[in-house]
Amino acid sequence: MTNIAVYIGAALAEIGGCFAFWMWLRLDRSPWWGLLGTISLVIFGVLLTRAEVAFAGRAYAAYGGVYIMASLFWLWAVEGMAPDRWDAVGAGMCIVGSAVILWGPRMV
């Protein structure tokens, strides 16, 4: 699995897990949503450990940009609100930052 696939899977699992808690605690849905959220967040944690990066902090930092992009996709696809141009500009900046963190030359 490539880092990009790992990060996309992790982002969807994290957003889905957090959204499940949102459904339960903010929208007064069944507590079963909390269980689904917990399972999804465990999957997120497992997936993120599969990133091919030498240090956890660097994996988390690079993941952040992908999470932001996935959150805006979720906003549009699940919640029905289209991201505006400022969302797009901000997310693009984050993706560039993630790419620099992941693929920038390293001094050993």
PDB file of N, CA and C in Angstrom:
ATOM      1  N   MET A   1       0.840  -1.181   0.000  1.00  0.00           N
ATOM      2  CA  MET A   1       0.000   0.000   0.000  1.00  0.00           C
ATOM      3  C   MET A   1       0.884   1.244   0.000  1.00  0.00           C
ATOM      4  N   THR A   2       0.574   2.197  -0.816  1.00  0.00           N
ATOM      5  CA  THR A   2       1.361   3.424  -0.835  1.00  0.00           C
ATOM      6  C   THR A   2       0.935   4.332   0.314  1.00  0.00           C
ATOM      7  N   ASN A   3       1.785   5.292   0.621  1.00  0.00           N
ATOM      8  CA  ASN A   3       1.442   6.240   1.681  1.00  0.00           C
ATOM      9  C   ASN A   3       0.153   6.982   1.377  1.00  0.00           C
ATOM     10  N   ILE A   4      -0.051   7.340   0.131  1.00  0.00           N
ATOM     11  CA  ILE A   4      -1.263   8.086  -0.214  1.00  0.00           C
ATOM     12  C   ILE A   4      -2.510   7.250   0.074  1.00  0.00           C
ATOM     13  N   ALA A   5      -2.481   5.982  -0.309  1.00  0.00           N
ATOM     14  CA  ALA A   5      -3.629   5.101  -0.038  1.00  0.00           C
ATOM     15  C   ALA A   5      -3.834   4.925   1.464  1.00  0.00           C
ATOM     16  N   VAL A   6      -2.745   4.764   2.199  1.00  0.00           N
ATOM     17  CA  VAL A   6      -2.835   4.637   3.653  1.00  0.00           C
ATOM     18  C   VAL A   6      -3.467   5.894   4.248  1.00  0.00           C
ATOM     19  N   TYR A   7      -2.993   7.059   3.815  1.00  0.00           N
ATOM     20  CA  TYR A   7      -3.515   8.311   4.359  1.00  0.00           C
ATOM     21  C   TYR A   7      -4.977   8.533   3.991  1.00  0.00           C
ATOM     22  N   ILE A   8      -5.369   8.180   2.782  1.00  0.00           N
ATOM     23  CA  ILE A   8      -6.776   8.334   2.392  1.00  0.00           C
ATOM     24  C   ILE A   8      -7.657   7.398   3.218  1.00  0.00           C
ATOM     25  N   GLY A   9      -7.237   6.153   3.357  1.00  0.00           N
ATOM     26  CA  GLY A   9      -8.004   5.213   4.181  1.00  0.00           C
ATOM     27  C   GLY A   9      -8.086   5.675   5.626  1.00  0.00           C
ATOM     28  N   ALA A  10      -6.962   6.149   6.160  1.00  0.00           N
ATOM     29  CA  ALA A  10      -6.943   6.634   7.545  1.00  0.00           C
ATOM     30  C   ALA A  10      -7.857   7.846   7.708  1.00  0.00           C
ATOM     31  N   ALA A  11      -7.818   8.748   6.741  1.00  0.00           N
ATOM     32  CA  ALA A  11      -8.655   9.948   6.824  1.00  0.00           C
ATOM     33  C   ALA A  11     -10.138   9.589   6.809  1.00  0.00           C
ATOM     34  N   LEU A  12     -10.519   8.695   5.924  1.00  0.00           N
ATOM     35  CA  LEU A  12     -11.936   8.303   5.874  1.00  0.00           C
ATOM     36  C   LEU A  12     -12.364   7.609   7.162  1.00  0.00           C
ATOM     37  N   ALA A  13     -11.474   6.777   7.720  1.00  0.00           N
ATOM     38  CA  ALA A  13     -11.795   6.100   8.982  1.00  0.00           C
ATOM     39  C   ALA A  13     -11.892   7.108  10.126  1.00  0.00           C
ATOM     40  N   GLU A  14     -10.980   8.072  10.170  1.00  0.00           N
ATOM     41  CA  GLU A  14     -11.017   9.067  11.247  1.00  0.00           C
ATOM     42  C   GLU A  14     -12.242   9.964  11.134  1.00  0.00           C
ATOM     43  N   ILE A  15     -12.494  10.465   9.937  1.00  0.00           N
ATOM     44  CA  ILE A  15     -13.649  11.350   9.757  1.00  0.00           C
ATOM     45  C   ILE A  15     -14.944  10.580  10.021  1.00  0.00           C
ATOM     46  N   GLY A  16     -15.020   9.360   9.511  1.00  0.00           N
ATOM     47  CA  GLY A  16     -16.218   8.545   9.770  1.00  0.00           C
ATOM     48  C   GLY A  16     -16.417   8.291  11.250  1.00  0.00           C
ATOM     49  N   GLY A  17     -15.324   8.005  11.954  1.00  0.00           N
ATOM     50  CA  GLY A  17     -15.414   7.765  13.397  1.00  0.00           C
ATOM     51  C   GLY A  17     -15.849   9.002  14.154  1.00  0.00           C
ATOM     52  N   CYS A  18     -15.247  10.116  13.831  1.00  0.00           N
ATOM     53  CA  CYS A  18     -15.621  11.364  14.499  1.00  0.00           C
ATOM     54  C   CYS A  18     -17.055  11.762  14.155  1.00  0.00           C
ATOM     55  N   PHE A  19     -17.446  11.552  12.901  1.00  0.00           N
ATOM     56  CA  PHE A  19     -18.810  11.879  12.502  1.00  0.00           C
ATOM     57  C   PHE A  19     -19.823  10.993  13.228  1.00  0.00           C
ATOM     58  N   ALA A  20     -19.456   9.744  13.486  1.00  0.00           N
ATOM     59  CA  ALA A  20     -20.350   8.855  14.241  1.00  0.00           C
ATOM     60  C   ALA A  20     -20.588   9.414  15.649  1.00  0.00           C
ATOM     61  N   PHE A  21     -19.531   9.927  16.284  1.00  0.00           N
ATOM     62  CA  PHE A  21     -19.714  10.552  17.596  1.00  0.00           C
ATOM     63  C   PHE A  21     -20.537  11.828  17.483  1.00  0.00           C
ATOM     64  N   TRP A  22     -20.349  12.563  16.406  1.00  0.00           N
ATOM     65  CA  TRP A  22     -21.147  13.761  16.152  1.00  0.00           C
ATOM     66  C   TRP A  22     -22.633  13.389  16.077  1.00  0.00           C
ATOM     67  N   MET A  23     -22.910  12.306  15.336  1.00  0.00           N
ATOM     68  CA  MET A  23     -24.296  11.846  15.200  1.00  0.00           C
ATOM     69  C   MET A  23     -24.882  11.495  16.574  1.00  0.00           C
ATOM     70  N   TRP A  24     -24.107  10.786  17.370  1.00  0.00           N
ATOM     71  CA  TRP A  24     -24.573  10.336  18.675  1.00  0.00           C
ATOM     72  C   TRP A  24     -24.740  11.498  19.648  1.00  0.00           C
ATOM     73  N   LEU A  25     -23.706  12.306  19.802  1.00  0.00           N
ATOM     74  CA  LEU A  25     -23.696  13.294  20.863  1.00  0.00           C
ATOM     75  C   LEU A  25     -24.270  14.656  20.476  1.00  0.00           C
ATOM     76  N   ARG A  26     -24.174  15.028  19.202  1.00  0.00           N
ATOM     77  CA  ARG A  26     -24.693  16.332  18.787  1.00  0.00           C
ATOM     78  C   ARG A  26     -26.079  16.238  18.165  1.00  0.00           C
ATOM     79  N   LEU A  27     -26.336  15.117  17.475  1.00  0.00           N
ATOM     80  CA  LEU A  27     -27.629  14.973  16.805  1.00  0.00           C
ATOM     81  C   LEU A  27     -28.551  14.000  17.530  1.00  0.00           C
ATOM     82  N   ASP A  28     -28.143  13.604  18.741  1.00  0.00           N
ATOM     83  CA  ASP A  28     -28.976  12.787  19.634  1.00  0.00           C
ATOM     84  C   ASP A  28     -29.432  11.473  19.012  1.00  0.00           C
ATOM     85  N   ARG A  29     -28.512  10.829  18.297  1.00  0.00           N
ATOM     86  CA  ARG A  29     -28.805   9.530  17.716  1.00  0.00           C
ATOM     87  C   ARG A  29     -28.474   8.425  18.709  1.00  0.00           C
ATOM     88  N   SER A  30     -28.693   7.201  18.332  1.00  0.00           N
ATOM     89  CA  SER A  30     -28.480   6.037  19.186  1.00  0.00           C
ATOM     90  C   SER A  30     -27.029   5.943  19.668  1.00  0.00           C
ATOM     91  N   PRO A  31     -26.818   5.457  20.901  1.00  0.00           N
ATOM     92  CA  PRO A  31     -25.450   5.222  21.382  1.00  0.00           C
ATOM     93  C   PRO A  31     -24.669   4.231  20.516  1.00  0.00           C
ATOM     94  N   TRP A  32     -25.351   3.457  19.697  1.00  0.00           N
ATOM     95  CA  TRP A  32     -24.646   2.549  18.790  1.00  0.00           C
ATOM     96  C   TRP A  32     -23.715   3.315  17.860  1.00  0.00           C
ATOM     97  N   TRP A  33     -24.051   4.567  17.586  1.00  0.00           N
ATOM     98  CA  TRP A  33     -23.155   5.399  16.775  1.00  0.00           C
ATOM     99  C   TRP A  33     -21.795   5.546  17.456  1.00  0.00           C
ATOM    100  N   GLY A  34     -21.801   5.599  18.786  1.00  0.00           N
ATOM    101  CA  GLY A  34     -20.538   5.686  19.525  1.00  0.00           C
ATOM    102  C   GLY A  34     -19.687   4.442  19.348  1.00  0.00           C
ATOM    103  N   LEU A  35     -20.333   3.284  19.324  1.00  0.00           N
ATOM    104  CA  LEU A  35     -19.596   2.042  19.089  1.00  0.00           C
ATOM    105  C   LEU A  35     -19.014   2.031  17.676  1.00  0.00           C
ATOM    106  N   LEU A  36     -19.815   2.426  16.695  1.00  0.00           N
ATOM    107  CA  LEU A  36     -19.308   2.500  15.321  1.00  0.00           C
ATOM    108  C   LEU A  36     -18.141   3.485  15.221  1.00  0.00           C
ATOM    109  N   GLY A  37     -18.264   4.603  15.923  1.00  0.00           N
ATOM    110  CA  GLY A  37     -17.196   5.578  15.926  1.00  0.00           C
ATOM    111  C   GLY A  37     -15.915   5.014  16.533  1.00  0.00           C
ATOM    112  N   THR A  38     -16.049   4.288  17.607  1.00  0.00           N
ATOM    113  CA  THR A  38     -14.882   3.684  18.254  1.00  0.00           C
ATOM    114  C   THR A  38     -14.188   2.699  17.328  1.00  0.00           C
ATOM    115  N   ILE A  39     -14.951   1.852  16.683  1.00  0.00           N
ATOM    116  CA  ILE A  39     -14.381   0.872  15.743  1.00  0.00           C
ATOM    117  C   ILE A  39     -13.667   1.595  14.607  1.00  0.00           C
ATOM    118  N   SER A  40     -14.308   2.613  14.077  1.00  0.00           N
ATOM    119  CA  SER A  40     -13.712   3.354  12.970  1.00  0.00           C
ATOM    120  C   SER A  40     -12.417   4.044  13.390  1.00  0.00           C
ATOM    121  N   LEU A  41     -12.375   4.579  14.597  1.00  0.00           N
ATOM    122  CA  LEU A  41     -11.168   5.253  15.069  1.00  0.00           C
ATOM    123  C   LEU A  41     -10.030   4.266  15.348  1.00  0.00           C
ATOM    124  N   VAL A  42     -10.367   3.055  15.746  1.00  0.00           N
ATOM    125  CA  VAL A  42      -9.336   2.016  15.893  1.00  0.00           C
ATOM    126  C   VAL A  42      -8.752   1.684  14.517  1.00  0.00           C
ATOM    127  N   ILE A  43      -9.615   1.556  13.525  1.00  0.00           N
ATOM    128  CA  ILE A  43      -9.143   1.293  12.155  1.00  0.00           C
ATOM    129  C   ILE A  43      -8.232   2.427  11.693  1.00  0.00           C
ATOM    130  N   PHE A  44      -8.614   3.653  11.989  1.00  0.00           N
ATOM    131  CA  PHE A  44      -7.777   4.810  11.662  1.00  0.00           C
ATOM    132  C   PHE A  44      -6.382   4.658  12.255  1.00  0.00           C
ATOM    133  N   GLY A  45      -6.316   4.344  13.545  1.00  0.00           N
ATOM    134  CA  GLY A  45      -5.025   4.212  14.208  1.00  0.00           C
ATOM    135  C   GLY A  45      -4.162   3.113  13.597  1.00  0.00           C
ATOM    136  N   VAL A  46      -4.776   2.000  13.278  1.00  0.00           N
ATOM    137  CA  VAL A  46      -4.038   0.892  12.664  1.00  0.00           C
ATOM    138  C   VAL A  46      -3.530   1.300  11.282  1.00  0.00           C
ATOM    139  N   LEU A  47      -4.386   1.918  10.490  1.00  0.00           N
ATOM    140  CA  LEU A  47      -3.973   2.321   9.142  1.00  0.00           C
ATOM    141  C   LEU A  47      -2.820   3.310   9.172  1.00  0.00           C
ATOM    142  N   LEU A  48      -2.879   4.271  10.072  1.00  0.00           N
ATOM    143  CA  LEU A  48      -1.831   5.285  10.095  1.00  0.00           C
ATOM    144  C   LEU A  48      -0.467   4.685  10.436  1.00  0.00           C
ATOM    145  N   THR A  49      -0.449   3.595  11.174  1.00  0.00           N
ATOM    146  CA  THR A  49       0.839   2.952  11.475  1.00  0.00           C
ATOM    147  C   THR A  49       1.427   2.265  10.253  1.00  0.00           C
ATOM    148  N   ARG A  50       0.668   2.138   9.194  1.00  0.00           N
ATOM    149  CA  ARG A  50       1.147   1.483   7.970  1.00  0.00           C
ATOM    150  C   ARG A  50       1.849   2.441   7.015  1.00  0.00           C
ATOM    151  N   ALA A  51       1.881   3.717   7.351  1.00  0.00           N
ATOM    152  CA  ALA A  51       2.583   4.684   6.508  1.00  0.00           C
ATOM    153  C   ALA A  51       4.074   4.350   6.504  1.00  0.00           C
ATOM    154  N   GLU A  52       4.660   4.401   5.325  1.00  0.00           N
ATOM    155  CA  GLU A  52       6.080   4.085   5.174  1.00  0.00           C
ATOM    156  C   GLU A  52       6.917   5.335   5.420  1.00  0.00           C
ATOM    157  N   VAL A  53       6.974   5.716   6.684  1.00  0.00           N
ATOM    158  CA  VAL A  53       7.729   6.876   7.136  1.00  0.00           C
ATOM    159  C   VAL A  53       8.502   6.431   8.368  1.00  0.00           C
ATOM    160  N   ALA A  54       9.739   6.897   8.492  1.00  0.00           N
ATOM    161  CA  ALA A  54      10.609   6.426   9.576  1.00  0.00           C
ATOM    162  C   ALA A  54      10.172   6.902  10.964  1.00  0.00           C
ATOM    163  N   PHE A  55       9.510   8.053  11.047  1.00  0.00           N
ATOM    164  CA  PHE A  55       9.164   8.609  12.348  1.00  0.00           C
ATOM    165  C   PHE A  55       7.678   8.914  12.421  1.00  0.00           C
ATOM    166  N   ALA A  56       7.074   8.616  13.566  1.00  0.00           N
ATOM    167  CA  ALA A  56       5.638   8.808  13.741  1.00  0.00           C
ATOM    168  C   ALA A  56       5.237  10.264  13.551  1.00  0.00           C
ATOM    169  N   GLY A  57       5.991  11.185  14.116  1.00  0.00           N
ATOM    170  CA  GLY A  57       5.650  12.601  13.993  1.00  0.00           C
ATOM    171  C   GLY A  57       5.590  13.072  12.563  1.00  0.00           C
ATOM    172  N   ARG A  58       6.489  12.581  11.737  1.00  0.00           N
ATOM    173  CA  ARG A  58       6.490  12.965  10.325  1.00  0.00           C
ATOM    174  C   ARG A  58       5.275  12.350   9.615  1.00  0.00           C
ATOM    175  N   ALA A  59       4.933  11.127   9.974  1.00  0.00           N
ATOM    176  CA  ALA A  59       3.744  10.492   9.386  1.00  0.00           C
ATOM    177  C   ALA A  59       2.491  11.290   9.736  1.00  0.00           C
ATOM    178  N   TYR A  60       2.389  11.726  10.999  1.00  0.00           N
ATOM    179  CA  TYR A  60       1.214  12.484  11.428  1.00  0.00           C
ATOM    180  C   TYR A  60       1.156  13.844  10.742  1.00  0.00           C
ATOM    181  N   ALA A  61       2.308  14.495  10.609  1.00  0.00           N
ATOM    182  CA  ALA A  61       2.353  15.813   9.980  1.00  0.00           C
ATOM    183  C   ALA A  61       1.941  15.730   8.512  1.00  0.00           C
ATOM    184  N   ALA A  62       2.479  14.760   7.796  1.00  0.00           N
ATOM    185  CA  ALA A  62       2.135  14.611   6.383  1.00  0.00           C
ATOM    186  C   ALA A  62       0.667  14.227   6.216  1.00  0.00           C
ATOM    187  N   TYR A  63       0.154  13.441   7.133  1.00  0.00           N
ATOM    188  CA  TYR A  63      -1.241  13.004   7.093  1.00  0.00           C
ATOM    189  C   TYR A  63      -2.202  14.190   7.211  1.00  0.00           C
ATOM    190  N   GLY A  64      -1.793  15.221   7.924  1.00  0.00           N
ATOM    191  CA  GLY A  64      -2.683  16.346   8.182  1.00  0.00           C
ATOM    192  C   GLY A  64      -3.291  16.963   6.930  1.00  0.00           C
ATOM    193  N   GLY A  65      -2.498  17.143   5.894  1.00  0.00           N
ATOM    194  CA  GLY A  65      -3.018  17.727   4.659  1.00  0.00           C
ATOM    195  C   GLY A  65      -4.053  16.841   3.988  1.00  0.00           C
ATOM    196  N   VAL A  66      -3.805  15.542   4.006  1.00  0.00           N
ATOM    197  CA  VAL A  66      -4.761  14.596   3.426  1.00  0.00           C
ATOM    198  C   VAL A  66      -6.058  14.613   4.228  1.00  0.00           C
ATOM    199  N   TYR A  67      -5.945  14.696   5.549  1.00  0.00           N
ATOM    200  CA  TYR A  67      -7.130  14.768   6.406  1.00  0.00           C
ATOM    201  C   TYR A  67      -7.971  15.997   6.062  1.00  0.00           C
ATOM    202  N   ILE A  68      -7.326  17.114   5.854  1.00  0.00           N
ATOM    203  CA  ILE A  68      -8.061  18.335   5.527  1.00  0.00           C
ATOM    204  C   ILE A  68      -8.789  18.194   4.196  1.00  0.00           C
ATOM    205  N   MET A  69      -8.120  17.644   3.194  1.00  0.00           N
ATOM    206  CA  MET A  69      -8.781  17.419   1.897  1.00  0.00           C
ATOM    207  C   MET A  69      -9.967  16.470   2.054  1.00  0.00           C
ATOM    208  N   ALA A  70      -9.763  15.381   2.791  1.00  0.00           N
ATOM    209  CA  ALA A  70     -10.831  14.403   2.986  1.00  0.00           C
ATOM    210  C   ALA A  70     -12.001  15.017   3.766  1.00  0.00           C
ATOM    211  N   SER A  71     -11.702  15.890   4.719  1.00  0.00           N
ATOM    212  CA  SER A  71     -12.766  16.548   5.482  1.00  0.00           C
ATOM    213  C   SER A  71     -13.631  17.415   4.583  1.00  0.00           C
ATOM    214  N   LEU A  72     -13.012  18.115   3.644  1.00  0.00           N
ATOM    215  CA  LEU A  72     -13.783  18.941   2.722  1.00  0.00           C
ATOM    216  C   LEU A  72     -14.588  18.091   1.741  1.00  0.00           C
ATOM    217  N   PHE A  73     -14.025  16.950   1.345  1.00  0.00           N
ATOM    218  CA  PHE A  73     -14.795  16.023   0.514  1.00  0.00           C
ATOM    219  C   PHE A  73     -16.004  15.520   1.296  1.00  0.00           C
ATOM    220  N   TRP A  74     -15.814  15.187   2.568  1.00  0.00           N
ATOM    221  CA  TRP A  74     -16.903  14.725   3.437  1.00  0.00           C
ATOM    222  C   TRP A  74     -17.971  15.813   3.552  1.00  0.00           C
ATOM    223  N   LEU A  75     -17.536  17.048   3.747  1.00  0.00           N
ATOM    224  CA  LEU A  75     -18.450  18.182   3.836  1.00  0.00           C
ATOM    225  C   LEU A  75     -19.374  18.214   2.625  1.00  0.00           C
ATOM    226  N   TRP A  76     -18.787  18.010   1.452  1.00  0.00           N
ATOM    227  CA  TRP A  76     -19.558  18.054   0.206  1.00  0.00           C
ATOM    228  C   TRP A  76     -20.379  16.787   0.000  1.00  0.00           C
ATOM    229  N   ALA A  77     -19.747  15.611   0.105  1.00  0.00           N
ATOM    230  CA  ALA A  77     -20.398  14.345  -0.254  1.00  0.00           C
ATOM    231  C   ALA A  77     -21.412  13.867   0.782  1.00  0.00           C
ATOM    232  N   VAL A  78     -21.125  14.058   2.049  1.00  0.00           N
ATOM    233  CA  VAL A  78     -21.999  13.525   3.102  1.00  0.00           C
ATOM    234  C   VAL A  78     -22.933  14.590   3.660  1.00  0.00           C
ATOM    235  N   GLU A  79     -22.402  15.780   3.886  1.00  0.00           N
ATOM    236  CA  GLU A  79     -23.210  16.816   4.519  1.00  0.00           C
ATOM    237  C   GLU A  79     -23.894  17.748   3.528  1.00  0.00           C
ATOM    238  N   GLY A  80     -23.551  17.618   2.245  1.00  0.00           N
ATOM    239  CA  GLY A  80     -24.238  18.370   1.216  1.00  0.00           C
ATOM    240  C   GLY A  80     -23.864  19.842   1.106  1.00  0.00           C
ATOM    241  N   MET A  81     -22.740  20.243   1.683  1.00  0.00           N
ATOM    242  CA  MET A  81     -22.294  21.638   1.614  1.00  0.00           C
ATOM    243  C   MET A  81     -21.032  21.702   0.759  1.00  0.00           C
ATOM    244  N   ALA A  82     -21.112  22.431  -0.331  1.00  0.00           N
ATOM    245  CA  ALA A  82     -19.953  22.537  -1.224  1.00  0.00           C
ATOM    246  C   ALA A  82     -18.885  23.423  -0.585  1.00  0.00           C
ATOM    247  N   PRO A  83     -17.635  22.965  -0.601  1.00  0.00           N
ATOM    248  CA  PRO A  83     -16.550  23.823  -0.111  1.00  0.00           C
ATOM    249  C   PRO A  83     -16.444  25.087  -0.967  1.00  0.00           C
ATOM    250  N   ASP A  84     -16.080  26.194  -0.347  1.00  0.00           N
ATOM    251  CA  ASP A  84     -15.919  27.419  -1.120  1.00  0.00           C
ATOM    252  C   ASP A  84     -14.462  27.569  -1.573  1.00  0.00           C
ATOM    253  N   ARG A  85     -14.181  28.654  -2.277  1.00  0.00           N
ATOM    254  CA  ARG A  85     -12.834  28.818  -2.834  1.00  0.00           C
ATOM    255  C   ARG A  85     -11.779  28.916  -1.752  1.00  0.00           C
ATOM    256  N   TRP A  86     -12.126  29.462  -0.588  1.00  0.00           N
ATOM    257  CA  TRP A  86     -11.150  29.577   0.492  1.00  0.00           C
ATOM    258  C   TRP A  86     -10.843  28.208   1.091  1.00  0.00           C
ATOM    259  N   ASP A  87     -11.850  27.352   1.147  1.00  0.00           N
ATOM    260  CA  ASP A  87     -11.606  25.969   1.561  1.00  0.00           C
ATOM    261  C   ASP A  87     -10.616  25.314   0.600  1.00  0.00           C
ATOM    262  N   ALA A  88     -10.849  25.514  -0.699  1.00  0.00           N
ATOM    263  CA  ALA A  88      -9.996  24.894  -1.717  1.00  0.00           C
ATOM    264  C   ALA A  88      -8.570  25.426  -1.656  1.00  0.00           C
ATOM    265  N   VAL A  89      -8.418  26.729  -1.484  1.00  0.00           N
ATOM    266  CA  VAL A  89      -7.078  27.320  -1.399  1.00  0.00           C
ATOM    267  C   VAL A  89      -6.348  26.798  -0.166  1.00  0.00           C
ATOM    268  N   GLY A  90      -7.021  26.802   0.952  1.00  0.00           N
ATOM    269  CA  GLY A  90      -6.399  26.321   2.187  1.00  0.00           C
ATOM    270  C   GLY A  90      -6.021  24.858   2.100  1.00  0.00           C
ATOM    271  N   ALA A  91      -6.908  24.032   1.550  1.00  0.00           N
ATOM    272  CA  ALA A  91      -6.611  22.604   1.413  1.00  0.00           C
ATOM    273  C   ALA A  91      -5.451  22.382   0.449  1.00  0.00           C
ATOM    274  N   GLY A  92      -5.409  23.147  -0.630  1.00  0.00           N
ATOM    275  CA  GLY A  92      -4.291  23.021  -1.565  1.00  0.00           C
ATOM    276  C   GLY A  92      -2.966  23.348  -0.912  1.00  0.00           C
ATOM    277  N   MET A  93      -2.949  24.380  -0.083  1.00  0.00           N
ATOM    278  CA  MET A  93      -1.726  24.729   0.636  1.00  0.00           C
ATOM    279  C   MET A  93      -1.300  23.590   1.566  1.00  0.00           C
ATOM    280  N   CYS A  94      -2.271  22.980   2.204  1.00  0.00           N
ATOM    281  CA  CYS A  94      -1.962  21.877   3.117  1.00  0.00           C
ATOM    282  C   CYS A  94      -1.407  20.663   2.370  1.00  0.00           C
ATOM    283  N   ILE A  95      -1.969  20.365   1.207  1.00  0.00           N
ATOM    284  CA  ILE A  95      -1.476  19.237   0.415  1.00  0.00           C
ATOM    285  C   ILE A  95      -0.045  19.496  -0.043  1.00  0.00           C
ATOM    286  N   VAL A  96       0.244  20.717  -0.444  1.00  0.00           N
ATOM    287  CA  VAL A  96       1.628  21.051  -0.820  1.00  0.00           C
ATOM    288  C   VAL A  96       2.546  20.834   0.378  1.00  0.00           C
ATOM    289  N   GLY A  97       2.127  21.274   1.545  1.00  0.00           N
ATOM    290  CA  GLY A  97       2.928  21.063   2.746  1.00  0.00           C
ATOM    291  C   GLY A  97       3.131  19.595   3.050  1.00  0.00           C
ATOM    292  N   SER A  98       2.096  18.797   2.895  1.00  0.00           N
ATOM    293  CA  SER A  98       2.220  17.350   3.115  1.00  0.00           C
ATOM    294  C   SER A  98       3.211  16.734   2.139  1.00  0.00           C
ATOM    295  N   ALA A  99       3.160  17.158   0.884  1.00  0.00           N
ATOM    296  CA  ALA A  99       4.083  16.625  -0.123  1.00  0.00           C
ATOM    297  C   ALA A  99       5.523  16.973   0.226  1.00  0.00           C
ATOM    298  N   VAL A 100       5.757  18.196   0.692  1.00  0.00           N
ATOM    299  CA  VAL A 100       7.112  18.599   1.077  1.00  0.00           C
ATOM    300  C   VAL A 100       7.594  17.728   2.244  1.00  0.00           C
ATOM    301  N   ILE A 101       6.731  17.504   3.212  1.00  0.00           N
ATOM    302  CA  ILE A 101       7.105  16.681   4.366  1.00  0.00           C
ATOM    303  C   ILE A 101       7.402  15.247   3.934  1.00  0.00           C
ATOM    304  N   LEU A 102       6.561  14.694   3.086  1.00  0.00           N
ATOM    305  CA  LEU A 102       6.736  13.296   2.667  1.00  0.00           C
ATOM    306  C   LEU A 102       7.919  13.077   1.735  1.00  0.00           C
ATOM    307  N   TRP A 103       8.064  13.957   0.745  1.00  0.00           N
ATOM    308  CA  TRP A 103       9.006  13.672  -0.325  1.00  0.00           C
ATOM    309  C   TRP A 103      10.188  14.639  -0.416  1.00  0.00           C
ATOM    310  N   GLY A 104      10.290  15.556   0.551  1.00  0.00           N
ATOM    311  CA  GLY A 104      11.417  16.470   0.547  1.00  0.00           C
ATOM    312  C   GLY A 104      12.728  15.721   0.812  1.00  0.00           C
ATOM    313  N   PRO A 105      13.837  16.228   0.250  1.00  0.00           N
ATOM    314  CA  PRO A 105      15.119  15.542   0.474  1.00  0.00           C
ATOM    315  C   PRO A 105      15.511  15.601   1.948  1.00  0.00           C
ATOM    316  N   ARG A 106      16.041  14.524   2.436  1.00  0.00           N
ATOM    317  CA  ARG A 106      16.440  14.401   3.832  1.00  0.00           C
ATOM    318  C   ARG A 106      17.947  14.361   3.940  1.00  0.00           C
ATOM    319  N   MET A 107      18.465  15.057   4.915  1.00  0.00           N
ATOM    320  CA  MET A 107      19.897  14.969   5.225  1.00  0.00           C
ATOM    321  C   MET A 107      20.059  13.911   6.301  1.00  0.00           C
ATOM    322  N   VAL A 108      20.916  12.989   6.073  1.00  0.00           N
ATOM    323  CA  VAL A 108      21.100  11.901   7.036  1.00  0.00           C
ATOM    324  C   VAL A 108      22.304  12.155   7.893  1.00  0.00           C
TER     325      VAL A 108
END
